Amino acid sequence: MSFTLPTVLAGAVPAGARLLDVREPDEWAAGHAEEALHIPIGQVVGRLAEITEHAGEDRLYVVCKVGGRSAQVTAYLVQQGLDAVNVDGGMHAWQAAGRALVSEAGEPFVL
């Protein structure tokens, strides 16, 4: 039985979607989607309840820098029964699609 990872282009993520950013703290501080929940990849398993609560009944869009780490997390979350989707191309694609980013201080930012 094969598994196809659910994937979406950054520009196709709906406004107001539930986002999970799995990058490291320094990457997050440099620029992130304002509405994203930040849980570094190494903390995902231990913070699954927090992720599940953040997602609620909604689809969860998982993002990292270019899409590799978020793909791993998306596969794990799908195995846990969540409706999770990998954001193809990560934050680089997010910015290229013209999606807003803020810095740790909440100011508009460009990667």
PDB file of N, CA and C in Angstrom:
ATOM      1  N   MET A   1       0.843  -1.179   0.000  1.00  0.00           N
ATOM      2  CA  MET A   1       0.000   0.000   0.000  1.00  0.00           C
ATOM      3  C   MET A   1       0.883   1.235   0.000  1.00  0.00           C
ATOM      4  N   SER A   2       0.706   2.091  -0.982  1.00  0.00           N
ATOM      5  CA  SER A   2       1.537   3.287  -1.061  1.00  0.00           C
ATOM      6  C   SER A   2       0.838   4.458  -0.397  1.00  0.00           C
ATOM      7  N   PHE A   3       1.633   5.429  -0.011  1.00  0.00           N
ATOM      8  CA  PHE A   3       1.133   6.608   0.677  1.00  0.00           C
ATOM      9  C   PHE A   3       1.552   7.838  -0.114  1.00  0.00           C
ATOM     10  N   THR A   4       0.593   8.667  -0.470  1.00  0.00           N
ATOM     11  CA  THR A   4       0.893   9.921  -1.147  1.00  0.00           C
ATOM     12  C   THR A   4       0.752  11.037  -0.134  1.00  0.00           C
ATOM     13  N   LEU A   5       1.828  11.772   0.063  1.00  0.00           N
ATOM     14  CA  LEU A   5       1.830  12.862   1.035  1.00  0.00           C
ATOM     15  C   LEU A   5       0.935  13.999   0.545  1.00  0.00           C
ATOM     16  N   PRO A   6      -0.042  14.409   1.354  1.00  0.00           N
ATOM     17  CA  PRO A   6      -0.875  15.549   0.960  1.00  0.00           C
ATOM     18  C   PRO A   6      -0.017  16.812   0.877  1.00  0.00           C
ATOM     19  N   THR A   7      -0.076  17.486  -0.253  1.00  0.00           N
ATOM     20  CA  THR A   7       0.770  18.657  -0.507  1.00  0.00           C
ATOM     21  C   THR A   7      -0.044  19.754  -1.167  1.00  0.00           C
ATOM     22  N   VAL A   8       0.297  20.996  -0.850  1.00  0.00           N
ATOM     23  CA  VAL A   8      -0.359  22.147  -1.444  1.00  0.00           C
ATOM     24  C   VAL A   8       0.693  23.213  -1.741  1.00  0.00           C
ATOM     25  N   LEU A   9       0.468  23.986  -2.777  1.00  0.00           N
ATOM     26  CA  LEU A   9       1.357  25.112  -3.071  1.00  0.00           C
ATOM     27  C   LEU A   9       1.083  26.237  -2.081  1.00  0.00           C
ATOM     28  N   ALA A  10       2.115  26.994  -1.737  1.00  0.00           N
ATOM     29  CA  ALA A  10       1.984  28.062  -0.741  1.00  0.00           C
ATOM     30  C   ALA A  10       0.887  29.055  -1.101  1.00  0.00           C
ATOM     31  N   GLY A  11       0.779  29.398  -2.365  1.00  0.00           N
ATOM     32  CA  GLY A  11      -0.229  30.356  -2.791  1.00  0.00           C
ATOM     33  C   GLY A  11      -1.649  29.839  -2.680  1.00  0.00           C
ATOM     34  N   ALA A  12      -1.810  28.522  -2.536  1.00  0.00           N
ATOM     35  CA  ALA A  12      -3.139  27.918  -2.452  1.00  0.00           C
ATOM     36  C   ALA A  12      -3.608  27.707  -1.011  1.00  0.00           C
ATOM     37  N   VAL A  13      -2.773  28.042  -0.031  1.00  0.00           N
ATOM     38  CA  VAL A  13      -3.185  27.918   1.368  1.00  0.00           C
ATOM     39  C   VAL A  13      -4.236  28.999   1.638  1.00  0.00           C
ATOM     40  N   PRO A  14      -5.419  28.610   2.105  1.00  0.00           N
ATOM     41  CA  PRO A  14      -6.475  29.599   2.320  1.00  0.00           C
ATOM     42  C   PRO A  14      -6.100  30.637   3.377  1.00  0.00           C
ATOM     43  N   ALA A  15      -6.590  31.846   3.203  1.00  0.00           N
ATOM     44  CA  ALA A  15      -6.387  32.886   4.220  1.00  0.00           C
ATOM     45  C   ALA A  15      -7.003  32.405   5.523  1.00  0.00           C
ATOM     46  N   GLY A  16      -6.299  32.621   6.619  1.00  0.00           N
ATOM     47  CA  GLY A  16      -6.805  32.217   7.925  1.00  0.00           C
ATOM     48  C   GLY A  16      -6.652  30.744   8.234  1.00  0.00           C
ATOM     49  N   ALA A  17      -5.932  30.015   7.379  1.00  0.00           N
ATOM     50  CA  ALA A  17      -5.740  28.576   7.594  1.00  0.00           C
ATOM     51  C   ALA A  17      -4.915  28.331   8.853  1.00  0.00           C
ATOM     52  N   ARG A  18      -5.082  27.145   9.425  1.00  0.00           N
ATOM     53  CA  ARG A  18      -4.283  26.727  10.585  1.00  0.00           C
ATOM     54  C   ARG A  18      -2.899  26.331  10.074  1.00  0.00           C
ATOM     55  N   LEU A  19      -1.874  27.034  10.559  1.00  0.00           N
ATOM     56  CA  LEU A  19      -0.499  26.776  10.125  1.00  0.00           C
ATOM     57  C   LEU A  19       0.342  26.258  11.279  1.00  0.00           C
ATOM     58  N   LEU A  20       1.227  25.314  10.965  1.00  0.00           N
ATOM     59  CA  LEU A  20       2.217  24.815  11.909  1.00  0.00           C
ATOM     60  C   LEU A  20       3.575  25.004  11.274  1.00  0.00           C
ATOM     61  N   ASP A  21       4.423  25.802  11.915  1.00  0.00           N
ATOM     62  CA  ASP A  21       5.780  26.079  11.434  1.00  0.00           C
ATOM     63  C   ASP A  21       6.743  25.237  12.255  1.00  0.00           C
ATOM     64  N   VAL A  22       7.487  24.323  11.595  1.00  0.00           N
ATOM     65  CA  VAL A  22       8.352  23.383  12.306  1.00  0.00           C
ATOM     66  C   VAL A  22       9.832  23.752  12.207  1.00  0.00           C
ATOM     67  N   ARG A  23      10.122  24.997  11.822  1.00  0.00           N
ATOM     68  CA  ARG A  23      11.521  25.434  11.723  1.00  0.00           C
ATOM     69  C   ARG A  23      12.121  25.679  13.105  1.00  0.00           C
ATOM     70  N   GLU A  24      13.429  25.875  13.126  1.00  0.00           N
ATOM     71  CA  GLU A  24      14.146  26.139  14.362  1.00  0.00           C
ATOM     72  C   GLU A  24      13.873  27.577  14.831  1.00  0.00           C
ATOM     73  N   PRO A  25      14.098  27.851  16.128  1.00  0.00           N
ATOM     74  CA  PRO A  25      13.787  29.176  16.671  1.00  0.00           C
ATOM     75  C   PRO A  25      14.432  30.352  15.926  1.00  0.00           C
ATOM     76  N   ASP A  26      15.671  30.206  15.476  1.00  0.00           N
ATOM     77  CA  ASP A  26      16.319  31.319  14.764  1.00  0.00           C
ATOM     78  C   ASP A  26      15.659  31.568  13.412  1.00  0.00           C
ATOM     79  N   GLU A  27      15.202  30.508  12.759  1.00  0.00           N
ATOM     80  CA  GLU A  27      14.502  30.658  11.481  1.00  0.00           C
ATOM     81  C   GLU A  27      13.150  31.341  11.702  1.00  0.00           C
ATOM     82  N   TRP A  28      12.456  30.931  12.746  1.00  0.00           N
ATOM     83  CA  TRP A  28      11.159  31.520  13.103  1.00  0.00           C
ATOM     84  C   TRP A  28      11.318  33.007  13.394  1.00  0.00           C
ATOM     85  N   ALA A  29      12.338  33.359  14.182  1.00  0.00           N
ATOM     86  CA  ALA A  29      12.549  34.754  14.575  1.00  0.00           C
ATOM     87  C   ALA A  29      12.816  35.641  13.365  1.00  0.00           C
ATOM     88  N   ALA A  30      13.455  35.091  12.343  1.00  0.00           N
ATOM     89  CA  ALA A  30      13.806  35.881  11.157  1.00  0.00           C
ATOM     90  C   ALA A  30      12.576  36.269  10.350  1.00  0.00           C
ATOM     91  N   GLY A  31      11.556  35.433  10.342  1.00  0.00           N
ATOM     92  CA  GLY A  31      10.333  35.748   9.599  1.00  0.00           C
ATOM     93  C   GLY A  31       9.420  34.557   9.526  1.00  0.00           C
ATOM     94  N   HIS A  32       8.135  34.786   9.819  1.00  0.00           N
ATOM     95  CA  HIS A  32       7.146  33.704   9.822  1.00  0.00           C
ATOM     96  C   HIS A  32       5.764  34.251   9.507  1.00  0.00           C
ATOM     97  N   ALA A  33       4.862  33.343   9.198  1.00  0.00           N
ATOM     98  CA  ALA A  33       3.466  33.728   8.996  1.00  0.00           C
ATOM     99  C   ALA A  33       2.891  34.087  10.363  1.00  0.00           C
ATOM    100  N   GLU A  34       2.229  35.225  10.434  1.00  0.00           N
ATOM    101  CA  GLU A  34       1.762  35.754  11.718  1.00  0.00           C
ATOM    102  C   GLU A  34       0.866  34.786  12.485  1.00  0.00           C
ATOM    103  N   GLU A  35       0.022  34.053  11.776  1.00  0.00           N
ATOM    104  CA  GLU A  35      -0.956  33.193  12.438  1.00  0.00           C
ATOM    105  C   GLU A  35      -0.445  31.790  12.744  1.00  0.00           C
ATOM    106  N   ALA A  36       0.813  31.494  12.412  1.00  0.00           N
ATOM    107  CA  ALA A  36       1.349  30.138  12.582  1.00  0.00           C
ATOM    108  C   ALA A  36       1.644  29.801  14.039  1.00  0.00           C
ATOM    109  N   LEU A  37       1.478  28.517  14.358  1.00  0.00           N
ATOM    110  CA  LEU A  37       1.928  27.955  15.627  1.00  0.00           C
ATOM    111  C   LEU A  37       3.354  27.472  15.386  1.00  0.00           C
ATOM    112  N   HIS A  38       4.278  27.846  16.274  1.00  0.00           N
ATOM    113  CA  HIS A  38       5.683  27.446  16.106  1.00  0.00           C
ATOM    114  C   HIS A  38       6.028  26.307  17.051  1.00  0.00           C
ATOM    115  N   ILE A  39       6.325  25.152  16.470  1.00  0.00           N
ATOM    116  CA  ILE A  39       6.822  24.008  17.231  1.00  0.00           C
ATOM    117  C   ILE A  39       7.945  23.383  16.402  1.00  0.00           C
ATOM    118  N   PRO A  40       9.210  23.560  16.826  1.00  0.00           N
ATOM    119  CA  PRO A  40      10.325  22.981  16.068  1.00  0.00           C
ATOM    120  C   PRO A  40      10.155  21.477  15.883  1.00  0.00           C
ATOM    121  N   ILE A  41      10.670  20.965  14.780  1.00  0.00           N
ATOM    122  CA  ILE A  41      10.482  19.557  14.414  1.00  0.00           C
ATOM    123  C   ILE A  41      10.843  18.605  15.549  1.00  0.00           C
ATOM    124  N   GLY A  42      11.876  18.901  16.306  1.00  0.00           N
ATOM    125  CA  GLY A  42      12.302  18.019  17.388  1.00  0.00           C
ATOM    126  C   GLY A  42      11.337  17.958  18.558  1.00  0.00           C
ATOM    127  N   GLN A  43      10.354  18.866  18.593  1.00  0.00           N
ATOM    128  CA  GLN A  43       9.388  18.912  19.693  1.00  0.00           C
ATOM    129  C   GLN A  43       7.997  18.421  19.291  1.00  0.00           C
ATOM    130  N   VAL A  44       7.823  18.064  18.017  1.00  0.00           N
ATOM    131  CA  VAL A  44       6.501  17.718  17.501  1.00  0.00           C
ATOM    132  C   VAL A  44       5.862  16.549  18.251  1.00  0.00           C
ATOM    133  N   VAL A  45       6.586  15.462  18.441  1.00  0.00           N
ATOM    134  CA  VAL A  45       6.016  14.284  19.089  1.00  0.00           C
ATOM    135  C   VAL A  45       5.576  14.620  20.517  1.00  0.00           C
ATOM    136  N   GLY A  46       6.422  15.317  21.260  1.00  0.00           N
ATOM    137  CA  GLY A  46       6.112  15.664  22.646  1.00  0.00           C
ATOM    138  C   GLY A  46       5.011  16.696  22.799  1.00  0.00           C
ATOM    139  N   ARG A  47       4.724  17.435  21.739  1.00  0.00           N
ATOM    140  CA  ARG A  47       3.709  18.493  21.803  1.00  0.00           C
ATOM    141  C   ARG A  47       2.512  18.198  20.891  1.00  0.00           C
ATOM    142  N   LEU A  48       2.289  16.912  20.609  1.00  0.00           N
ATOM    143  CA  LEU A  48       1.208  16.510  19.715  1.00  0.00           C
ATOM    144  C   LEU A  48      -0.152  17.018  20.192  1.00  0.00           C
ATOM    145  N   ALA A  49      -0.399  16.992  21.491  1.00  0.00           N
ATOM    146  CA  ALA A  49      -1.689  17.462  22.014  1.00  0.00           C
ATOM    147  C   ALA A  49      -1.896  18.938  21.691  1.00  0.00           C
ATOM    148  N   GLU A  50      -0.848  19.728  21.800  1.00  0.00           N
ATOM    149  CA  GLU A  50      -0.926  21.159  21.477  1.00  0.00           C
ATOM    150  C   GLU A  50      -1.226  21.357  19.987  1.00  0.00           C
ATOM    151  N   ILE A  51      -0.578  20.543  19.154  1.00  0.00           N
ATOM    152  CA  ILE A  51      -0.804  20.627  17.707  1.00  0.00           C
ATOM    153  C   ILE A  51      -2.244  20.242  17.379  1.00  0.00           C
ATOM    154  N   THR A  52      -2.720  19.173  17.987  1.00  0.00           N
ATOM    155  CA  THR A  52      -4.088  18.710  17.762  1.00  0.00           C
ATOM    156  C   THR A  52      -5.093  19.779  18.185  1.00  0.00           C
ATOM    157  N   GLU A  53      -4.837  20.418  19.316  1.00  0.00           N
ATOM    158  CA  GLU A  53      -5.725  21.487  19.792  1.00  0.00           C
ATOM    159  C   GLU A  53      -5.716  22.672  18.829  1.00  0.00           C
ATOM    160  N   HIS A  54      -4.534  23.037  18.324  1.00  0.00           N
ATOM    161  CA  HIS A  54      -4.406  24.153  17.383  1.00  0.00           C
ATOM    162  C   HIS A  54      -5.177  23.865  16.097  1.00  0.00           C
ATOM    163  N   ALA A  55      -5.098  22.631  15.628  1.00  0.00           N
ATOM    164  CA  ALA A  55      -5.770  22.261  14.382  1.00  0.00           C
ATOM    165  C   ALA A  55      -7.282  22.204  14.554  1.00  0.00           C
ATOM    166  N   GLY A  56      -7.717  21.719  15.705  1.00  0.00           N
ATOM    167  CA  GLY A  56      -9.151  21.543  15.918  1.00  0.00           C
ATOM    168  C   GLY A  56      -9.710  20.598  14.866  1.00  0.00           C
ATOM    169  N   GLU A  57     -10.811  20.971  14.258  1.00  0.00           N
ATOM    170  CA  GLU A  57     -11.427  20.152  13.206  1.00  0.00           C
ATOM    171  C   GLU A  57     -10.948  20.582  11.817  1.00  0.00           C
ATOM    172  N   ASP A  58     -10.071  21.580  11.774  1.00  0.00           N
ATOM    173  CA  ASP A  58      -9.631  22.150  10.502  1.00  0.00           C
ATOM    174  C   ASP A  58      -8.429  21.411   9.924  1.00  0.00           C
ATOM    175  N   ARG A  59      -8.203  21.627   8.640  1.00  0.00           N
ATOM    176  CA  ARG A  59      -6.994  21.128   7.982  1.00  0.00           C
ATOM    177  C   ARG A  59      -5.807  21.921   8.534  1.00  0.00           C
ATOM    178  N   LEU A  60      -4.695  21.235   8.771  1.00  0.00           N
ATOM    179  CA  LEU A  60      -3.482  21.853   9.294  1.00  0.00           C
ATOM    180  C   LEU A  60      -2.438  21.897   8.185  1.00  0.00           C
ATOM    181  N   TYR A  61      -1.919  23.082   7.905  1.00  0.00           N
ATOM    182  CA  TYR A  61      -0.907  23.272   6.876  1.00  0.00           C
ATOM    183  C   TYR A  61       0.450  23.360   7.572  1.00  0.00           C
ATOM    184  N   VAL A  62       1.371  22.469   7.190  1.00  0.00           N
ATOM    185  CA  VAL A  62       2.668  22.361   7.850  1.00  0.00           C
ATOM    186  C   VAL A  62       3.738  22.958   6.947  1.00  0.00           C
ATOM    187  N   VAL A  63       4.580  23.834   7.532  1.00  0.00           N
ATOM    188  CA  VAL A  63       5.573  24.556   6.748  1.00  0.00           C
ATOM    189  C   VAL A  63       6.926  24.546   7.451  1.00  0.00           C
ATOM    190  N   CYS A  64       7.994  24.547   6.642  1.00  0.00           N
ATOM    191  CA  CYS A  64       9.356  24.727   7.144  1.00  0.00           C
ATOM    192  C   CYS A  64      10.051  25.684   6.171  1.00  0.00           C
ATOM    193  N   LYS A  65      11.344  25.562   6.011  1.00  0.00           N
ATOM    194  CA  LYS A  65      12.056  26.490   5.124  1.00  0.00           C
ATOM    195  C   LYS A  65      11.823  26.173   3.649  1.00  0.00           C
ATOM    196  N   VAL A  66      12.018  24.900   3.259  1.00  0.00           N
ATOM    197  CA  VAL A  66      11.851  24.532   1.851  1.00  0.00           C
ATOM    198  C   VAL A  66      10.910  23.350   1.624  1.00  0.00           C
ATOM    199  N   GLY A  67      10.454  22.694   2.677  1.00  0.00           N
ATOM    200  CA  GLY A  67       9.473  21.631   2.530  1.00  0.00           C
ATOM    201  C   GLY A  67       9.891  20.246   2.975  1.00  0.00           C
ATOM    202  N   GLY A  68      11.157  20.029   3.298  1.00  0.00           N
ATOM    203  CA  GLY A  68      11.616  18.703   3.702  1.00  0.00           C
ATOM    204  C   GLY A  68      11.195  18.310   5.106  1.00  0.00           C
ATOM    205  N   ARG A  69      11.485  19.178   6.073  1.00  0.00           N
ATOM    206  CA  ARG A  69      11.106  18.878   7.461  1.00  0.00           C
ATOM    207  C   ARG A  69       9.590  18.842   7.610  1.00  0.00           C
ATOM    208  N   SER A  70       8.906  19.763   6.947  1.00  0.00           N
ATOM    209  CA  SER A  70       7.442  19.784   7.060  1.00  0.00           C
ATOM    210  C   SER A  70       6.831  18.533   6.428  1.00  0.00           C
ATOM    211  N   ALA A  71       7.459  17.987   5.404  1.00  0.00           N
ATOM    212  CA  ALA A  71       6.966  16.741   4.800  1.00  0.00           C
ATOM    213  C   ALA A  71       7.036  15.603   5.819  1.00  0.00           C
ATOM    214  N   GLN A  72       8.136  15.525   6.563  1.00  0.00           N
ATOM    215  CA  GLN A  72       8.283  14.491   7.593  1.00  0.00           C
ATOM    216  C   GLN A  72       7.206  14.643   8.666  1.00  0.00           C
ATOM    217  N   VAL A  73       6.994  15.877   9.113  1.00  0.00           N
ATOM    218  CA  VAL A  73       5.996  16.139  10.154  1.00  0.00           C
ATOM    219  C   VAL A  73       4.594  15.861   9.628  1.00  0.00           C
ATOM    220  N   THR A  74       4.311  16.261   8.396  1.00  0.00           N
ATOM    221  CA  THR A  74       2.995  16.008   7.811  1.00  0.00           C
ATOM    222  C   THR A  74       2.708  14.514   7.778  1.00  0.00           C
ATOM    223  N   ALA A  75       3.671  13.712   7.347  1.00  0.00           N
ATOM    224  CA  ALA A  75       3.487  12.258   7.303  1.00  0.00           C
ATOM    225  C   ALA A  75       3.172  11.715   8.699  1.00  0.00           C
ATOM    226  N   TYR A  76       3.889  12.193   9.703  1.00  0.00           N
ATOM    227  CA  TYR A  76       3.653  11.764  11.083  1.00  0.00           C
ATOM    228  C   TYR A  76       2.248  12.158  11.541  1.00  0.00           C
ATOM    229  N   LEU A  77       1.862  13.410  11.281  1.00  0.00           N
ATOM    230  CA  LEU A  77       0.549  13.892  11.732  1.00  0.00           C
ATOM    231  C   LEU A  77      -0.592  13.141  11.051  1.00  0.00           C
ATOM    232  N   VAL A  78      -0.435  12.836   9.765  1.00  0.00           N
ATOM    233  CA  VAL A  78      -1.445  12.062   9.053  1.00  0.00           C
ATOM    234  C   VAL A  78      -1.575  10.675   9.702  1.00  0.00           C
ATOM    235  N   GLN A  79      -0.440  10.071  10.068  1.00  0.00           N
ATOM    236  CA  GLN A  79      -0.461   8.763  10.739  1.00  0.00           C
ATOM    237  C   GLN A  79      -1.185   8.845  12.085  1.00  0.00           C
ATOM    238  N   GLN A  80      -1.163  10.028  12.699  1.00  0.00           N
ATOM    239  CA  GLN A  80      -1.831  10.233  13.986  1.00  0.00           C
ATOM    240  C   GLN A  80      -3.311  10.584  13.814  1.00  0.00           C
ATOM    241  N   GLY A  81      -3.764  10.649  12.563  1.00  0.00           N
ATOM    242  CA  GLY A  81      -5.173  10.894  12.297  1.00  0.00           C
ATOM    243  C   GLY A  81      -5.544  12.344  12.038  1.00  0.00           C
ATOM    244  N   LEU A  82      -4.560  13.234  11.936  1.00  0.00           N
ATOM    245  CA  LEU A  82      -4.862  14.638  11.659  1.00  0.00           C
ATOM    246  C   LEU A  82      -4.994  14.876  10.160  1.00  0.00           C
ATOM    247  N   ASP A  83      -5.762  15.870   9.802  1.00  0.00           N
ATOM    248  CA  ASP A  83      -5.908  16.296   8.411  1.00  0.00           C
ATOM    249  C   ASP A  83      -4.795  17.316   8.166  1.00  0.00           C
ATOM    250  N   ALA A  84      -3.601  16.821   7.844  1.00  0.00           N
ATOM    251  CA  ALA A  84      -2.426  17.670   7.681  1.00  0.00           C
ATOM    252  C   ALA A  84      -1.957  17.659   6.231  1.00  0.00           C
ATOM    253  N   VAL A  85      -1.430  18.811   5.795  1.00  0.00           N
ATOM    254  CA  VAL A  85      -0.969  18.989   4.421  1.00  0.00           C
ATOM    255  C   VAL A  85       0.381  19.701   4.449  1.00  0.00           C
ATOM    256  N   ASN A  86       1.325  19.219   3.653  1.00  0.00           N
ATOM    257  CA  ASN A  86       2.634  19.849   3.543  1.00  0.00           C
ATOM    258  C   ASN A  86       2.563  21.046   2.596  1.00  0.00           C
ATOM    259  N   VAL A  87       3.162  22.171   3.006  1.00  0.00           N
ATOM    260  CA  VAL A  87       3.240  23.344   2.133  1.00  0.00           C
ATOM    261  C   VAL A  87       4.497  23.195   1.277  1.00  0.00           C
ATOM    262  N   ASP A  88       4.291  22.879  -0.002  1.00  0.00           N
ATOM    263  CA  ASP A  88       5.380  22.627  -0.934  1.00  0.00           C
ATOM    264  C   ASP A  88       6.244  23.874  -1.112  1.00  0.00           C
ATOM    265  N   GLY A  89       7.546  23.719  -0.933  1.00  0.00           N
ATOM    266  CA  GLY A  89       8.461  24.840  -1.110  1.00  0.00           C
ATOM    267  C   GLY A  89       8.682  25.667   0.143  1.00  0.00           C
ATOM    268  N   GLY A  90       7.932  25.386   1.196  1.00  0.00           N
ATOM    269  CA  GLY A  90       8.142  26.023   2.487  1.00  0.00           C
ATOM    270  C   GLY A  90       7.999  27.537   2.489  1.00  0.00           C
ATOM    271  N   MET A  91       8.733  28.161   3.405  1.00  0.00           N
ATOM    272  CA  MET A  91       8.640  29.610   3.573  1.00  0.00           C
ATOM    273  C   MET A  91       9.213  30.364   2.374  1.00  0.00           C
ATOM    274  N   HIS A  92      10.137  29.747   1.649  1.00  0.00           N
ATOM    275  CA  HIS A  92      10.628  30.400   0.424  1.00  0.00           C
ATOM    276  C   HIS A  92       9.487  30.541  -0.585  1.00  0.00           C
ATOM    277  N   ALA A  93       8.703  29.476  -0.753  1.00  0.00           N
ATOM    278  CA  ALA A  93       7.562  29.530  -1.662  1.00  0.00           C
ATOM    279  C   ALA A  93       6.473  30.447  -1.103  1.00  0.00           C
ATOM    280  N   TRP A  94       6.319  30.452   0.214  1.00  0.00           N
ATOM    281  CA  TRP A  94       5.338  31.321   0.875  1.00  0.00           C
ATOM    282  C   TRP A  94       5.614  32.781   0.510  1.00  0.00           C
ATOM    283  N   GLN A  95       6.879  33.177   0.654  1.00  0.00           N
ATOM    284  CA  GLN A  95       7.258  34.554   0.340  1.00  0.00           C
ATOM    285  C   GLN A  95       7.136  34.831  -1.163  1.00  0.00           C
ATOM    286  N   ALA A  96       7.567  33.882  -1.979  1.00  0.00           N
ATOM    287  CA  ALA A  96       7.495  34.058  -3.434  1.00  0.00           C
ATOM    288  C   ALA A  96       6.043  34.205  -3.901  1.00  0.00           C
ATOM    289  N   ALA A  97       5.106  33.602  -3.165  1.00  0.00           N
ATOM    290  CA  ALA A  97       3.686  33.699  -3.503  1.00  0.00           C
ATOM    291  C   ALA A  97       3.070  35.014  -3.012  1.00  0.00           C
ATOM    292  N   GLY A  98       3.911  35.845  -2.373  1.00  0.00           N
ATOM    293  CA  GLY A  98       3.424  37.138  -1.900  1.00  0.00           C
ATOM    294  C   GLY A  98       2.685  37.079  -0.580  1.00  0.00           C
ATOM    295  N   ARG A  99       2.863  35.974   0.153  1.00  0.00           N
ATOM    296  CA  ARG A  99       2.204  35.836   1.452  1.00  0.00           C
ATOM    297  C   ARG A  99       2.977  36.631   2.499  1.00  0.00           C
ATOM    298  N   ALA A 100       2.268  37.216   3.454  1.00  0.00           N
ATOM    299  CA  ALA A 100       2.863  38.086   4.465  1.00  0.00           C
ATOM    300  C   ALA A 100       3.720  37.313   5.457  1.00  0.00           C
ATOM    301  N   LEU A 101       4.795  37.964   5.882  1.00  0.00           N
ATOM    302  CA  LEU A 101       5.669  37.460   6.936  1.00  0.00           C
ATOM    303  C   LEU A 101       5.852  38.556   7.968  1.00  0.00           C
ATOM    304  N   VAL A 102       6.056  38.159   9.222  1.00  0.00           N
ATOM    305  CA  VAL A 102       6.400  39.104  10.275  1.00  0.00           C
ATOM    306  C   VAL A 102       7.653  38.595  10.979  1.00  0.00           C
ATOM    307  N   SER A 103       8.377  39.515  11.617  1.00  0.00           N
ATOM    308  CA  SER A 103       9.548  39.138  12.401  1.00  0.00           C
ATOM    309  C   SER A 103       9.102  38.777  13.814  1.00  0.00           C
ATOM    310  N   GLU A 104      10.026  38.384  14.637  1.00  0.00           N
ATOM    311  CA  GLU A 104       9.727  38.037  16.031  1.00  0.00           C
ATOM    312  C   GLU A 104       9.049  39.208  16.739  1.00  0.00           C
ATOM    313  N   ALA A 105       9.408  40.424  16.352  1.00  0.00           N
ATOM    314  CA  ALA A 105       8.829  41.627  16.953  1.00  0.00           C
ATOM    315  C   ALA A 105       7.457  41.946  16.389  1.00  0.00           C
ATOM    316  N   GLY A 106       6.986  41.147  15.421  1.00  0.00           N
ATOM    317  CA  GLY A 106       5.678  41.379  14.835  1.00  0.00           C
ATOM    318  C   GLY A 106       5.678  42.381  13.708  1.00  0.00           C
ATOM    319  N   GLU A 107       6.863  42.777  13.265  1.00  0.00           N
ATOM    320  CA  GLU A 107       6.983  43.744  12.170  1.00  0.00           C
ATOM    321  C   GLU A 107       6.970  43.021  10.828  1.00  0.00           C
ATOM    322  N   PRO A 108       6.467  43.668   9.761  1.00  0.00           N
ATOM    323  CA  PRO A 108       6.558  43.047   8.435  1.00  0.00           C
ATOM    324  C   PRO A 108       8.014  42.724   8.113  1.00  0.00           C
ATOM    325  N   PHE A 109       8.234  41.604   7.461  1.00  0.00           N
ATOM    326  CA  PHE A 109       9.605  41.133   7.225  1.00  0.00           C
ATOM    327  C   PHE A 109       9.696  40.415   5.894  1.00  0.00           C
ATOM    328  N   VAL A 110      10.880  40.453   5.326  1.00  0.00           N
ATOM    329  CA  VAL A 110      11.162  39.722   4.088  1.00  0.00           C
ATOM    330  C   VAL A 110      12.340  38.806   4.344  1.00  0.00           C
ATOM    331  N   LEU A 111      12.203  37.515   3.993  1.00  0.00           N
ATOM    332  CA  LEU A 111      13.300  36.542   4.158  1.00  0.00           C
ATOM    333  C   LEU A 111      14.479  36.911   3.296  1.00  0.00           C
TER     334      LEU A 111
END
